[in-house]
Amino acid sequence: MQKADTSWLFDELDAALQSGSSEKRLAMLRQATDLFLFEADRLSDEQIGIFDDVLVQLVERIEARTLVEISERLAPMANAPPDLTLCLAGHSEIGVARPILRNSPRLTTADLVEIAKTRSQSHLLAISERAQIEAAVSDVLLDRGDEAVVLSVAGNSGAKLSDNGFDLLLKAAEGNDRLAETTGTRLDLPLKLLKQLLSRASETVRSRLLARTPAEFQDEMRQALNAATAAVDRESSKPRDFRRAKVSVALLRAEGALHEGTLCDFARSRKYEEMTVALSLLSSTSLEIIKPLMNSPIDDGLLIPCKVADCKWETVSAILAAKLPPGSAPKMGQETLKSQFAKLSKTNAERLLRFWQVREASARCA
């Protein structure tokens, strides 16, 4: 088979670059791209390298809307010019980068890892939509990605996950019903992790997962649900000893080290006793008022001391996720509780808390 003659390309390139004409460069880009696509099956690696040199120099001086077309045409090609592919994949305009990031077989795992570590959330989302994703890439996406990226990876059956990837996914799913449900439907989720996910999920998520489970896996899902329920019951009935937590948290307060960040760290680390004592002190509330709120199946009561303590929603969410074993999700749903918390004024929260304190003191005296 006769090889295509590409020797003229550099002469044309020099003419296009020296002319200073954007029209000339654009015409050259289209001509070179058309020729590459037409001859792609017959080109040697050396000839592909020639096209690569020419096209990379041209795209650096071409506006983004034209590059979108080039990106879409080159994306499916296994032998697309490698440097050009990387150039387009890392382009700051996501419209240019997306076709390559989603579809190009030319990108290596190392290429995707590097882009995922350094580019925007839009770039990460495009990578998460690839038909096949290696575990090394998934790890970066789950570590750096926002909620949309993590949800996309969780719902992508072609995304392989490492043990670390599963850990990151389960942590992100706490308190997020949509992500928990999507994660629970992954066929590669180990049974041990499924039980862990279910123990932290809301009743709504558990019911939906059971309804979506194929008939052949229904028994396995029911066993996982029963195990999760039993674990929650055991943890809920476990006696709590707050004596050590009172001492350690009081010491932090005396050192000026007790603040919202400390409370949030306790919640994220699932240090239940320390979290409860810290919330009590930060909201200037009796521990005897906070403990029932922690044990209650109704989650909105905890919004009151959290508002008085000037907590941000991030901290409130962590507390709600950690208050039931082992990190049970809020039963009302994150968005509902978040909306209630935003509407709750600190003045009204302080008024309610004072009422509870008076009622608790009266009951103790009686």
Foldseek 3Di string as FASTA:
>chain_A
DDADDPVCLVVLLVVQVVVPDLVSLLVSLVVLLVVCVVRVVRHDPVVLQVSLVSNVVSVVPHDDVSLLVSQQVQQQDQSHNLVVLLCQLLDQPLSSNLSNLAGHNNQDLVSLLVSLQDHDLSSLQSNLNHLAAEQSNLLSQLVPHDPNSLQSNLQRLRYDHDPSSLVSQLLVCQQPLSSLLSNLPHPPQDLVVNLVSLLAEAPVSLVVNLVPDPPVCNVSSVVSNVSSVVQLVVQLPDDDDLVVLLVVLVVCVVVVNQALVVLLVCLSVLVQSNNLNSLCVLLVADSVVSVVQLSDLAPLVVLLSCVSSVHDLSSSQSSQQNSTPNRHHRNVGSVVSVVVSVPDHNVVSNVVRVVVRVVVVVVVVD
